[in-house]
Amino acid sequence: MYLLSAFLFSVRRALIPSCRAGLWALWMAGVAAMAGCANTSPPPGVEAVTPFDLQRYQGRWYELARLDHSFERGMTDVSATYTPQADGSVRVVNRGFAAASGQWREAIGRALFTGAPTTGSLKVSFFGPFYGGYHVAALDPDYRWALVLGPDTSYCWILARDKQLDAAQRDAIVARAQALGVDTHALIWVTHKRQDPAQPPH
């Protein structure tokens, strides 16, 4: 979901040159709107996962489900890649396919932990000075899937290392999200049918 995600001091943004308008502009504007509240705490009643291991969390995740927001509307084949940096931050590359334009979109951001790096709670920004919460609310012991919430429960993403989960596992994650106050009936399940030209086959 982010699903998700970019970050503190200087914020870097990279857009594919031919994709600076339309849906992608809405995506970026929506991220700014989400972060504009400057709320980097988890939603009430939600505790971020601890212990959390960034070295195990790093790498590519596929967005399997999300709640609807304008900044991702119409996007398919969405992925997020997290890479730890030497300064303790995390480089985030979000990519997805905009069906309306027939183009791949990309945004690059930066994330920082809001507290100890052993707790899965970060603040994100794709361009300063806007920040928003990125909270890993549930995580598979083997780091195969993650449930991520934003500054409130209207922002929810289900991420996985693979492009699909078996039905029983998916239903269990949805039940956990519902228990945290997420409107799971509104979840949008993301299709993954295209091979991203910027990524090796998975």
N, C-alpha and C. Protein backbone atom coordinates (compact mmCIF):
# COMPACT_ATOMS: atom_id res chain seq x y z
N MET A 1 0.08 -0.18 0.00
CA MET A 1 0.00 0.00 0.00
C MET A 1 0.17 0.40 0.00
N TYR A 2 1.38 1.23 -0.08
CA TYR A 2 1.44 1.38 -0.16
C TYR A 2 1.75 1.83 -0.66
N LEU A 3 2.40 1.14 0.38
CA LEU A 3 1.58 1.11 -0.09
C LEU A 3 2.06 2.44 -0.27
N LEU A 4 3.20 3.34 -0.42
CA LEU A 4 3.53 3.94 0.57
C LEU A 4 4.62 4.54 0.67
N SER A 5 5.26 5.77 0.35
CA SER A 5 5.96 6.06 1.57
C SER A 5 7.26 6.83 1.27
N ALA A 6 7.56 7.84 2.02
CA ALA A 6 8.73 8.66 1.76
C ALA A 6 8.93 9.65 2.88
N PHE A 7 9.86 10.69 2.88
CA PHE A 7 10.36 10.90 4.22
C PHE A 7 11.24 12.06 4.64
N LEU A 8 11.69 12.30 5.72
CA LEU A 8 12.11 13.39 6.55
C LEU A 8 12.94 14.44 5.86
N PHE A 9 14.18 14.69 6.26
CA PHE A 9 14.82 15.96 5.94
C PHE A 9 14.62 16.40 4.51
N SER A 10 15.49 16.10 3.58
CA SER A 10 15.19 16.50 2.21
C SER A 10 14.33 15.41 1.61
N VAL A 11 13.30 15.80 0.84
CA VAL A 11 12.41 14.82 0.25
C VAL A 11 12.65 14.81 -1.24
N ARG A 12 12.75 13.62 -1.75
CA ARG A 12 13.05 13.50 -3.17
C ARG A 12 11.86 12.91 -3.88
N ARG A 13 11.59 13.47 -5.03
CA ARG A 13 10.50 12.94 -5.84
C ARG A 13 11.01 12.70 -7.26
N ALA A 14 10.65 11.59 -7.82
CA ALA A 14 11.00 11.30 -9.22
C ALA A 14 9.77 10.81 -9.93
N LEU A 15 9.38 11.51 -10.97
CA LEU A 15 8.25 11.10 -11.79
C LEU A 15 8.76 10.79 -13.19
N ILE A 16 8.24 9.75 -13.80
CA ILE A 16 8.55 9.49 -15.20
C ILE A 16 8.20 10.75 -15.99
N PRO A 17 9.11 11.30 -16.79
CA PRO A 17 8.89 12.61 -17.42
C PRO A 17 7.57 12.73 -18.14
N SER A 18 7.13 11.70 -18.81
CA SER A 18 5.90 11.81 -19.59
C SER A 18 4.66 11.62 -18.75
N CYS A 19 4.81 11.49 -17.43
CA CYS A 19 3.67 11.11 -16.59
C CYS A 19 3.44 12.12 -15.47
N ARG A 20 3.59 13.40 -15.75
CA ARG A 20 3.49 14.40 -14.70
C ARG A 20 2.09 14.96 -14.52
N ALA A 21 1.13 14.47 -15.25
CA ALA A 21 -0.22 15.04 -15.17
C ALA A 21 -1.22 13.95 -14.91
N GLY A 22 -2.50 14.35 -14.98
CA GLY A 22 -3.58 13.38 -14.90
C GLY A 22 -3.61 12.64 -13.59
N LEU A 23 -3.79 11.32 -13.70
CA LEU A 23 -3.97 10.49 -12.52
C LEU A 23 -2.79 10.57 -11.58
N TRP A 24 -1.57 10.63 -12.14
CA TRP A 24 -0.40 10.66 -11.26
C TRP A 24 -0.35 11.95 -10.44
N ALA A 25 -0.78 13.04 -11.05
CA ALA A 25 -0.84 14.29 -10.29
C ALA A 25 -1.82 14.14 -9.14
N LEU A 26 -2.93 13.46 -9.39
CA LEU A 26 -3.89 13.22 -8.32
C LEU A 26 -3.28 12.35 -7.24
N TRP A 27 -2.52 11.34 -7.66
CA TRP A 27 -1.87 10.46 -6.69
C TRP A 27 -0.97 11.27 -5.76
N MET A 28 -0.10 12.08 -6.35
CA MET A 28 0.83 12.85 -5.54
C MET A 28 0.11 13.88 -4.68
N ALA A 29 -0.92 14.52 -5.24
CA ALA A 29 -1.69 15.48 -4.45
C ALA A 29 -2.37 14.79 -3.29
N GLY A 30 -2.84 13.58 -3.54
CA GLY A 30 -3.50 12.84 -2.47
C GLY A 30 -2.54 12.46 -1.36
N VAL A 31 -1.32 12.08 -1.73
CA VAL A 31 -0.32 11.77 -0.72
C VAL A 31 -0.04 13.00 0.13
N ALA A 32 0.06 14.15 -0.52
CA ALA A 32 0.29 15.39 0.23
C ALA A 32 -0.88 15.67 1.16
N ALA A 33 -2.09 15.44 0.67
CA ALA A 33 -3.26 15.68 1.50
C ALA A 33 -3.27 14.76 2.70
N MET A 34 -2.92 13.48 2.48
CA MET A 34 -2.87 12.54 3.57
C MET A 34 -1.86 12.97 4.61
N ALA A 35 -0.70 13.45 4.14
CA ALA A 35 0.36 13.82 5.05
C ALA A 35 0.16 15.18 5.67
N GLY A 36 -0.70 15.99 5.08
CA GLY A 36 -0.85 17.37 5.53
C GLY A 36 -1.29 17.51 6.96
N CYS A 37 -1.95 16.46 7.47
CA CYS A 37 -2.39 16.53 8.86
C CYS A 37 -1.21 16.43 9.81
N ALA A 38 -0.03 16.05 9.32
CA ALA A 38 1.19 15.95 10.12
C ALA A 38 1.03 14.97 11.26
N ASN A 39 0.12 14.03 11.13
CA ASN A 39 -0.10 13.04 12.17
C ASN A 39 0.76 11.83 11.88
N THR A 40 1.76 11.60 12.71
CA THR A 40 2.64 10.46 12.50
C THR A 40 2.43 9.38 13.55
N SER A 41 1.39 9.52 14.36
CA SER A 41 1.07 8.50 15.36
C SER A 41 0.13 7.46 14.77
N PRO A 42 0.16 6.24 15.28
CA PRO A 42 -0.80 5.23 14.81
C PRO A 42 -2.23 5.65 15.13
N PRO A 43 -3.20 5.14 14.39
CA PRO A 43 -4.60 5.42 14.71
C PRO A 43 -4.93 4.95 16.12
N PRO A 44 -5.92 5.55 16.77
CA PRO A 44 -6.31 5.12 18.12
C PRO A 44 -6.58 3.62 18.17
N GLY A 45 -6.03 2.98 19.17
CA GLY A 45 -6.24 1.55 19.34
C GLY A 45 -5.33 0.67 18.52
N VAL A 46 -4.44 1.28 17.75
CA VAL A 46 -3.53 0.52 16.90
C VAL A 46 -2.11 0.65 17.44
N GLU A 47 -1.43 -0.47 17.58
CA GLU A 47 -0.04 -0.48 17.99
C GLU A 47 0.80 -1.05 16.86
N ALA A 48 1.85 -0.34 16.50
CA ALA A 48 2.73 -0.83 15.45
C ALA A 48 3.48 -2.08 15.92
N VAL A 49 3.81 -2.91 14.96
CA VAL A 49 4.48 -4.18 15.26
C VAL A 49 5.82 -3.95 15.92
N THR A 50 6.07 -4.71 16.96
CA THR A 50 7.37 -4.75 17.61
C THR A 50 7.59 -6.17 18.15
N PRO A 51 8.74 -6.77 17.99
CA PRO A 51 9.92 -6.24 17.30
C PRO A 51 9.74 -6.22 15.78
N PHE A 52 10.38 -5.23 15.18
CA PHE A 52 10.33 -5.03 13.73
C PHE A 52 11.77 -5.02 13.21
N ASP A 53 12.01 -5.74 12.14
CA ASP A 53 13.36 -5.87 11.58
C ASP A 53 13.37 -5.30 10.15
N LEU A 54 13.94 -4.12 9.99
CA LEU A 54 13.96 -3.48 8.68
C LEU A 54 14.73 -4.30 7.66
N GLN A 55 15.76 -4.99 8.10
CA GLN A 55 16.54 -5.80 7.16
C GLN A 55 15.69 -6.90 6.54
N ARG A 56 14.73 -7.41 7.29
CA ARG A 56 13.83 -8.43 6.76
C ARG A 56 12.68 -7.79 5.98
N TYR A 57 12.32 -6.58 6.34
CA TYR A 57 11.19 -5.90 5.68
C TYR A 57 11.59 -5.30 4.34
N GLN A 58 12.87 -5.02 4.16
CA GLN A 58 13.32 -4.36 2.94
C GLN A 58 13.00 -5.21 1.71
N GLY A 59 13.06 -4.55 0.56
CA GLY A 59 12.80 -5.24 -0.69
C GLY A 59 11.44 -4.91 -1.26
N ARG A 60 11.02 -5.70 -2.23
CA ARG A 60 9.79 -5.41 -2.97
C ARG A 60 8.57 -6.06 -2.32
N TRP A 61 7.50 -5.26 -2.23
CA TRP A 61 6.20 -5.74 -1.78
C TRP A 61 5.16 -5.40 -2.85
N TYR A 62 4.19 -6.29 -2.98
CA TYR A 62 3.07 -6.03 -3.89
C TYR A 62 1.86 -5.57 -3.09
N GLU A 63 1.20 -4.54 -3.59
CA GLU A 63 -0.02 -4.07 -2.96
C GLU A 63 -1.17 -4.97 -3.42
N LEU A 64 -1.72 -5.74 -2.48
CA LEU A 64 -2.82 -6.64 -2.82
C LEU A 64 -4.18 -6.00 -2.63
N ALA A 65 -4.28 -5.11 -1.64
CA ALA A 65 -5.57 -4.46 -1.38
C ALA A 65 -5.33 -3.10 -0.77
N ARG A 66 -6.30 -2.21 -0.95
CA ARG A 66 -6.22 -0.86 -0.40
C ARG A 66 -7.63 -0.30 -0.26
N LEU A 67 -7.75 0.75 0.53
CA LEU A 67 -8.97 1.54 0.55
C LEU A 67 -8.86 2.61 -0.52
N ASP A 68 -9.98 3.01 -1.05
CA ASP A 68 -9.99 3.94 -2.19
C ASP A 68 -9.61 5.35 -1.78
N HIS A 69 -8.65 5.92 -2.53
CA HIS A 69 -8.30 7.33 -2.41
C HIS A 69 -7.92 7.82 -3.81
N SER A 70 -8.12 9.10 -4.04
CA SER A 70 -7.91 9.63 -5.39
C SER A 70 -6.50 9.40 -5.90
N PHE A 71 -5.51 9.39 -4.99
CA PHE A 71 -4.13 9.32 -5.46
C PHE A 71 -3.74 7.94 -5.97
N GLU A 72 -4.58 6.92 -5.74
CA GLU A 72 -4.31 5.60 -6.31
C GLU A 72 -5.45 5.10 -7.19
N ARG A 73 -6.44 5.92 -7.38
CA ARG A 73 -7.63 5.46 -8.11
C ARG A 73 -7.26 5.02 -9.53
N GLY A 74 -7.70 3.83 -9.89
CA GLY A 74 -7.43 3.32 -11.22
C GLY A 74 -6.08 2.65 -11.39
N MET A 75 -5.27 2.61 -10.32
CA MET A 75 -3.94 2.01 -10.42
C MET A 75 -4.01 0.50 -10.25
N THR A 76 -3.29 -0.22 -11.09
CA THR A 76 -3.14 -1.66 -10.96
C THR A 76 -1.66 -1.99 -10.86
N ASP A 77 -1.36 -3.24 -10.57
CA ASP A 77 0.03 -3.72 -10.58
C ASP A 77 0.93 -2.85 -9.70
N VAL A 78 0.43 -2.47 -8.54
CA VAL A 78 1.16 -1.54 -7.66
C VAL A 78 2.16 -2.31 -6.80
N SER A 79 3.35 -1.75 -6.69
CA SER A 79 4.38 -2.33 -5.82
C SER A 79 5.10 -1.22 -5.07
N ALA A 80 5.74 -1.61 -3.97
CA ALA A 80 6.57 -0.69 -3.19
C ALA A 80 7.87 -1.40 -2.86
N THR A 81 8.98 -0.72 -3.05
CA THR A 81 10.29 -1.29 -2.75
C THR A 81 10.98 -0.42 -1.71
N TYR A 82 11.41 -1.05 -0.62
CA TYR A 82 12.02 -0.34 0.51
C TYR A 82 13.50 -0.71 0.59
N THR A 83 14.35 0.32 0.68
CA THR A 83 15.79 0.10 0.74
C THR A 83 16.40 0.91 1.87
N PRO A 84 16.98 0.27 2.90
CA PRO A 84 17.62 1.01 3.99
C PRO A 84 18.79 1.83 3.47
N GLN A 85 18.96 3.02 4.05
CA GLN A 85 20.06 3.92 3.68
C GLN A 85 21.05 4.03 4.83
N ALA A 86 22.25 4.47 4.51
CA ALA A 86 23.31 4.55 5.51
C ALA A 86 22.98 5.50 6.65
N ASP A 87 22.14 6.52 6.38
CA ASP A 87 21.81 7.50 7.42
C ASP A 87 20.63 7.06 8.29
N GLY A 88 20.16 5.84 8.11
CA GLY A 88 19.06 5.33 8.92
C GLY A 88 17.69 5.53 8.31
N SER A 89 17.62 6.25 7.20
CA SER A 89 16.34 6.44 6.52
C SER A 89 16.06 5.25 5.61
N VAL A 90 14.91 5.30 4.97
CA VAL A 90 14.52 4.23 4.04
C VAL A 90 14.12 4.87 2.71
N ARG A 91 14.72 4.40 1.65
CA ARG A 91 14.32 4.85 0.31
C ARG A 91 13.12 4.03 -0.12
N VAL A 92 12.10 4.72 -0.61
CA VAL A 92 10.87 4.05 -1.03
C VAL A 92 10.61 4.34 -2.50
N VAL A 93 10.38 3.30 -3.26
CA VAL A 93 10.01 3.46 -4.67
C VAL A 93 8.64 2.82 -4.87
N ASN A 94 7.65 3.64 -5.17
CA ASN A 94 6.30 3.16 -5.45
C ASN A 94 6.08 3.16 -6.96
N ARG A 95 5.55 2.07 -7.48
CA ARG A 95 5.27 1.97 -8.91
C ARG A 95 3.90 1.35 -9.13
N GLY A 96 3.25 1.76 -10.21
CA GLY A 96 1.96 1.19 -10.55
C GLY A 96 1.60 1.53 -11.98
N PHE A 97 0.61 0.83 -12.49
CA PHE A 97 0.16 1.03 -13.87
C PHE A 97 -1.16 1.77 -13.86
N ALA A 98 -1.20 2.91 -14.57
CA ALA A 98 -2.42 3.70 -14.68
C ALA A 98 -3.16 3.26 -15.93
N ALA A 99 -4.25 2.53 -15.73
CA ALA A 99 -4.98 1.98 -16.87
C ALA A 99 -5.52 3.08 -17.78
N ALA A 100 -5.92 4.21 -17.20
CA ALA A 100 -6.52 5.28 -17.99
C ALA A 100 -5.56 5.84 -19.03
N SER A 101 -4.29 5.93 -18.67
CA SER A 101 -3.30 6.50 -19.59
C SER A 101 -2.45 5.43 -20.26
N GLY A 102 -2.51 4.21 -19.73
CA GLY A 102 -1.69 3.14 -20.29
C GLY A 102 -0.21 3.31 -20.01
N GLN A 103 0.12 3.98 -18.88
CA GLN A 103 1.51 4.26 -18.56
C GLN A 103 1.84 3.78 -17.15
N TRP A 104 3.10 3.43 -16.96
CA TRP A 104 3.61 3.12 -15.62
C TRP A 104 3.95 4.43 -14.92
N ARG A 105 3.67 4.49 -13.62
CA ARG A 105 3.97 5.67 -12.81
C ARG A 105 4.96 5.29 -11.71
N GLU A 106 5.77 6.23 -11.33
CA GLU A 106 6.77 5.98 -10.29
C GLU A 106 6.92 7.21 -9.40
N ALA A 107 7.05 6.98 -8.11
CA ALA A 107 7.35 8.05 -7.16
C ALA A 107 8.41 7.55 -6.20
N ILE A 108 9.36 8.40 -5.88
CA ILE A 108 10.45 8.04 -4.98
C ILE A 108 10.36 8.91 -3.74
N GLY A 109 10.46 8.30 -2.58
CA GLY A 109 10.36 9.05 -1.34
C GLY A 109 11.34 8.57 -0.29
N ARG A 110 11.15 9.08 0.89
CA ARG A 110 12.08 8.83 2.00
C ARG A 110 11.27 8.61 3.26
N ALA A 111 11.66 7.65 4.08
CA ALA A 111 10.95 7.36 5.32
C ALA A 111 11.92 7.36 6.49
N LEU A 112 11.40 7.74 7.64
CA LEU A 112 12.18 7.70 8.89
C LEU A 112 11.34 7.06 9.98
N PHE A 113 11.97 6.34 10.84
CA PHE A 113 11.27 5.80 12.00
C PHE A 113 10.86 6.94 12.92
N THR A 114 9.67 6.83 13.50
CA THR A 114 9.22 7.85 14.43
C THR A 114 9.77 7.63 15.83
N GLY A 115 10.29 6.45 16.07
CA GLY A 115 10.88 6.11 17.36
C GLY A 115 11.98 5.09 17.15
N ALA A 116 11.99 4.07 17.97
CA ALA A 116 13.01 3.03 17.85
C ALA A 116 12.83 2.27 16.54
N PRO A 117 13.93 1.92 15.89
CA PRO A 117 13.83 1.18 14.62
C PRO A 117 13.35 -0.26 14.80
N THR A 118 13.12 -0.66 16.03
CA THR A 118 12.58 -1.99 16.29
C THR A 118 11.05 -1.98 16.37
N THR A 119 10.45 -0.82 16.10
CA THR A 119 8.99 -0.69 16.04
C THR A 119 8.61 -0.23 14.64
N GLY A 120 7.62 -0.91 14.06
CA GLY A 120 7.25 -0.63 12.67
C GLY A 120 6.37 0.59 12.50
N SER A 121 6.83 1.72 12.96
CA SER A 121 6.10 2.99 12.85
C SER A 121 7.03 4.02 12.24
N LEU A 122 6.66 4.53 11.05
CA LEU A 122 7.49 5.48 10.34
C LEU A 122 6.69 6.70 9.94
N LYS A 123 7.40 7.76 9.57
CA LYS A 123 6.74 8.92 8.97
C LYS A 123 7.23 9.04 7.54
N VAL A 124 6.34 9.42 6.66
CA VAL A 124 6.64 9.37 5.24
C VAL A 124 6.31 10.69 4.56
N SER A 125 7.05 10.99 3.50
CA SER A 125 6.78 12.18 2.70
C SER A 125 7.40 12.01 1.33
N PHE A 126 6.65 12.32 0.29
CA PHE A 126 7.20 12.31 -1.05
C PHE A 126 7.70 13.68 -1.46
N PHE A 127 7.29 14.71 -0.74
CA PHE A 127 7.86 16.03 -0.93
C PHE A 127 7.51 16.84 0.31
N GLY A 128 8.56 17.49 0.90
CA GLY A 128 8.35 18.23 2.13
C GLY A 128 7.53 19.47 1.90
N PRO A 129 7.02 20.01 2.99
CA PRO A 129 7.18 19.58 4.38
C PRO A 129 6.03 18.70 4.86
N PHE A 130 5.48 17.88 3.98
CA PHE A 130 4.32 17.07 4.33
C PHE A 130 4.76 15.69 4.83
N TYR A 131 4.20 15.29 5.95
CA TYR A 131 4.53 14.00 6.54
C TYR A 131 3.26 13.26 6.91
N GLY A 132 3.30 11.97 6.88
CA GLY A 132 2.16 11.16 7.29
C GLY A 132 2.64 9.86 7.89
N GLY A 133 1.79 9.25 8.69
CA GLY A 133 2.16 8.02 9.36
C GLY A 133 2.11 6.80 8.44
N TYR A 134 3.02 5.89 8.65
CA TYR A 134 3.08 4.59 7.97
C TYR A 134 3.31 3.57 9.07
N HIS A 135 2.27 2.82 9.39
CA HIS A 135 2.33 1.96 10.57
C HIS A 135 2.05 0.51 10.19
N VAL A 136 3.02 -0.35 10.46
CA VAL A 136 2.85 -1.77 10.21
C VAL A 136 2.06 -2.33 11.39
N ALA A 137 0.77 -2.58 11.15
CA ALA A 137 -0.13 -2.97 12.24
C ALA A 137 -0.16 -4.48 12.46
N ALA A 138 0.22 -5.24 11.46
CA ALA A 138 0.30 -6.70 11.58
C ALA A 138 1.31 -7.18 10.54
N LEU A 139 2.04 -8.23 10.91
CA LEU A 139 3.14 -8.68 10.05
C LEU A 139 3.31 -10.19 10.19
N ASP A 140 3.42 -10.85 9.07
CA ASP A 140 3.67 -12.28 9.07
C ASP A 140 5.01 -12.58 9.73
N PRO A 141 5.11 -13.63 10.56
CA PRO A 141 6.38 -13.96 11.21
C PRO A 141 7.54 -14.14 10.23
N ASP A 142 7.21 -14.59 9.02
CA ASP A 142 8.24 -14.77 8.00
C ASP A 142 8.33 -13.59 7.03
N TYR A 143 7.65 -12.50 7.37
CA TYR A 143 7.68 -11.28 6.56
C TYR A 143 7.20 -11.56 5.13
N ARG A 144 6.11 -12.34 5.02
CA ARG A 144 5.52 -12.64 3.72
C ARG A 144 4.34 -11.73 3.41
N TRP A 145 3.72 -11.15 4.43
CA TRP A 145 2.64 -10.20 4.23
C TRP A 145 2.68 -9.16 5.34
N ALA A 146 2.05 -8.02 5.08
CA ALA A 146 2.00 -6.94 6.06
C ALA A 146 0.68 -6.20 5.93
N LEU A 147 0.15 -5.78 7.06
CA LEU A 147 -1.03 -4.92 7.10
C LEU A 147 -0.55 -3.54 7.54
N VAL A 148 -0.73 -2.54 6.69
CA VAL A 148 -0.20 -1.20 6.93
C VAL A 148 -1.36 -0.21 7.03
N LEU A 149 -1.31 0.64 8.04
CA LEU A 149 -2.30 1.70 8.21
C LEU A 149 -1.61 3.05 8.13
N GLY A 150 -2.36 4.06 7.71
CA GLY A 150 -1.86 5.42 7.66
C GLY A 150 -2.17 6.17 8.93
N PRO A 151 -2.41 7.49 8.84
CA PRO A 151 -2.68 8.29 10.04
C PRO A 151 -4.02 7.97 10.68
N ASP A 152 -4.92 7.33 9.93
CA ASP A 152 -6.18 6.85 10.50
C ASP A 152 -6.60 5.61 9.71
N THR A 153 -7.69 4.99 10.13
CA THR A 153 -8.07 3.71 9.53
C THR A 153 -8.73 3.85 8.16
N SER A 154 -8.84 5.06 7.65
CA SER A 154 -9.32 5.22 6.27
C SER A 154 -8.19 5.00 5.27
N TYR A 155 -6.98 4.80 5.77
CA TYR A 155 -5.83 4.47 4.93
C TYR A 155 -5.35 3.08 5.33
N CYS A 156 -5.52 2.13 4.46
CA CYS A 156 -5.17 0.75 4.77
C CYS A 156 -4.64 0.06 3.52
N TRP A 157 -3.57 -0.69 3.70
CA TRP A 157 -3.00 -1.46 2.60
C TRP A 157 -2.66 -2.87 3.09
N ILE A 158 -2.90 -3.83 2.27
CA ILE A 158 -2.43 -5.19 2.50
C ILE A 158 -1.33 -5.45 1.49
N LEU A 159 -0.13 -5.74 1.98
CA LEU A 159 1.03 -5.96 1.13
C LEU A 159 1.49 -7.41 1.27
N ALA A 160 2.13 -7.91 0.22
CA ALA A 160 2.66 -9.27 0.28
C ALA A 160 3.87 -9.38 -0.63
N ARG A 161 4.69 -10.37 -0.35
CA ARG A 161 5.87 -10.62 -1.19
C ARG A 161 5.49 -11.22 -2.54
N ASP A 162 4.35 -11.87 -2.58
CA ASP A 162 3.86 -12.46 -3.82
C ASP A 162 2.62 -11.71 -4.29
N LYS A 163 2.23 -11.94 -5.52
CA LYS A 163 1.13 -11.19 -6.10
C LYS A 163 -0.24 -11.68 -5.65
N GLN A 164 -0.27 -12.75 -4.90
CA GLN A 164 -1.54 -13.21 -4.35
C GLN A 164 -1.29 -14.04 -3.10
N LEU A 165 -2.32 -14.14 -2.26
CA LEU A 165 -2.30 -14.97 -1.06
C LEU A 165 -3.39 -16.01 -1.19
N ASP A 166 -3.22 -17.12 -0.46
CA ASP A 166 -4.31 -18.09 -0.48
C ASP A 166 -5.50 -17.51 0.28
N ALA A 167 -6.68 -18.02 -0.01
CA ALA A 167 -7.92 -17.44 0.50
C ALA A 167 -7.96 -17.41 2.02
N ALA A 168 -7.50 -18.47 2.67
CA ALA A 168 -7.56 -18.53 4.13
C ALA A 168 -6.68 -17.46 4.76
N GLN A 169 -5.49 -17.28 4.22
CA GLN A 169 -4.57 -16.27 4.74
C GLN A 169 -5.13 -14.87 4.50
N ARG A 170 -5.66 -14.65 3.31
CA ARG A 170 -6.25 -13.35 2.99
C ARG A 170 -7.39 -13.03 3.94
N ASP A 171 -8.26 -13.99 4.19
CA ASP A 171 -9.40 -13.76 5.07
C ASP A 171 -8.95 -13.46 6.49
N ALA A 172 -7.88 -14.10 6.93
CA ALA A 172 -7.37 -13.85 8.28
C ALA A 172 -6.83 -12.43 8.41
N ILE A 173 -6.15 -11.95 7.37
CA ILE A 173 -5.63 -10.58 7.40
C ILE A 173 -6.78 -9.58 7.39
N VAL A 174 -7.78 -9.83 6.57
CA VAL A 174 -8.94 -8.95 6.52
C VAL A 174 -9.63 -8.90 7.88
N ALA A 175 -9.73 -10.03 8.54
CA ALA A 175 -10.35 -10.06 9.87
C ALA A 175 -9.56 -9.23 10.86
N ARG A 176 -8.24 -9.26 10.77
CA ARG A 176 -7.41 -8.44 11.67
C ARG A 176 -7.61 -6.96 11.38
N ALA A 177 -7.69 -6.62 10.11
CA ALA A 177 -7.94 -5.22 9.75
C ALA A 177 -9.29 -4.76 10.28
N GLN A 178 -10.29 -5.59 10.13
CA GLN A 178 -11.63 -5.24 10.61
C GLN A 178 -11.62 -5.04 12.12
N ALA A 179 -10.88 -5.87 12.84
CA ALA A 179 -10.80 -5.74 14.29
C ALA A 179 -10.15 -4.43 14.71
N LEU A 180 -9.34 -3.85 13.83
CA LEU A 180 -8.67 -2.57 14.12
C LEU A 180 -9.52 -1.37 13.70
N GLY A 181 -10.69 -1.63 13.16
CA GLY A 181 -11.59 -0.53 12.80
C GLY A 181 -11.61 -0.18 11.33
N VAL A 182 -10.98 -0.98 10.49
CA VAL A 182 -10.96 -0.71 9.05
C VAL A 182 -12.27 -1.19 8.43
N ASP A 183 -12.81 -0.39 7.51
CA ASP A 183 -14.00 -0.79 6.76
C ASP A 183 -13.55 -1.76 5.68
N THR A 184 -13.46 -3.01 6.02
CA THR A 184 -12.91 -4.00 5.10
C THR A 184 -13.83 -4.28 3.91
N HIS A 185 -15.11 -3.95 4.03
CA HIS A 185 -16.01 -4.15 2.90
C HIS A 185 -15.66 -3.20 1.75
N ALA A 186 -14.93 -2.12 2.08
CA ALA A 186 -14.56 -1.13 1.06
C ALA A 186 -13.19 -1.41 0.44
N LEU A 187 -12.54 -2.48 0.85
CA LEU A 187 -11.22 -2.78 0.29
C LEU A 187 -11.31 -3.04 -1.21
N ILE A 188 -10.34 -2.50 -1.93
CA ILE A 188 -10.20 -2.73 -3.37
C ILE A 188 -9.07 -3.73 -3.56
N TRP A 189 -9.35 -4.82 -4.25
CA TRP A 189 -8.33 -5.84 -4.49
C TRP A 189 -7.63 -5.54 -5.81
N VAL A 190 -6.33 -5.39 -5.72
CA VAL A 190 -5.52 -4.89 -6.84
C VAL A 190 -5.14 -6.04 -7.78
N THR A 191 -5.31 -5.83 -9.06
CA THR A 191 -4.91 -6.85 -10.03
C THR A 191 -3.43 -6.72 -10.36
N HIS A 192 -2.80 -7.86 -10.60
CA HIS A 192 -1.39 -7.91 -10.98
C HIS A 192 -1.26 -8.84 -12.18
N LYS A 193 -1.40 -8.27 -13.36
CA LYS A 193 -1.36 -9.05 -14.59
C LYS A 193 -0.23 -8.63 -15.53
N ARG A 194 0.42 -7.51 -15.21
CA ARG A 194 1.46 -6.98 -16.10
C ARG A 194 2.84 -7.17 -15.48
N GLN A 195 3.83 -7.28 -16.34
CA GLN A 195 5.21 -7.31 -15.89
C GLN A 195 5.77 -5.89 -15.93
N ASP A 196 6.17 -5.38 -14.78
CA ASP A 196 6.74 -4.04 -14.71
C ASP A 196 8.07 -4.03 -15.46
N PRO A 197 8.22 -3.18 -16.47
CA PRO A 197 9.47 -3.17 -17.25
C PRO A 197 10.68 -2.72 -16.45
N ALA A 198 10.45 -2.06 -15.32
CA ALA A 198 11.56 -1.57 -14.51
C ALA A 198 12.01 -2.58 -13.46
N GLN A 199 11.34 -3.72 -13.38
CA GLN A 199 11.66 -4.70 -12.35
C GLN A 199 11.88 -6.06 -12.98
N PRO A 200 12.79 -6.84 -12.41
CA PRO A 200 12.98 -8.20 -12.92
C PRO A 200 11.77 -9.06 -12.60
N PRO A 201 11.51 -10.10 -13.38
CA PRO A 201 10.38 -10.99 -13.09
C PRO A 201 10.49 -11.55 -11.69
N HIS A 202 9.33 -11.73 -11.07
CA HIS A 202 9.31 -12.24 -9.69
C HIS A 202 8.49 -13.52 -9.66
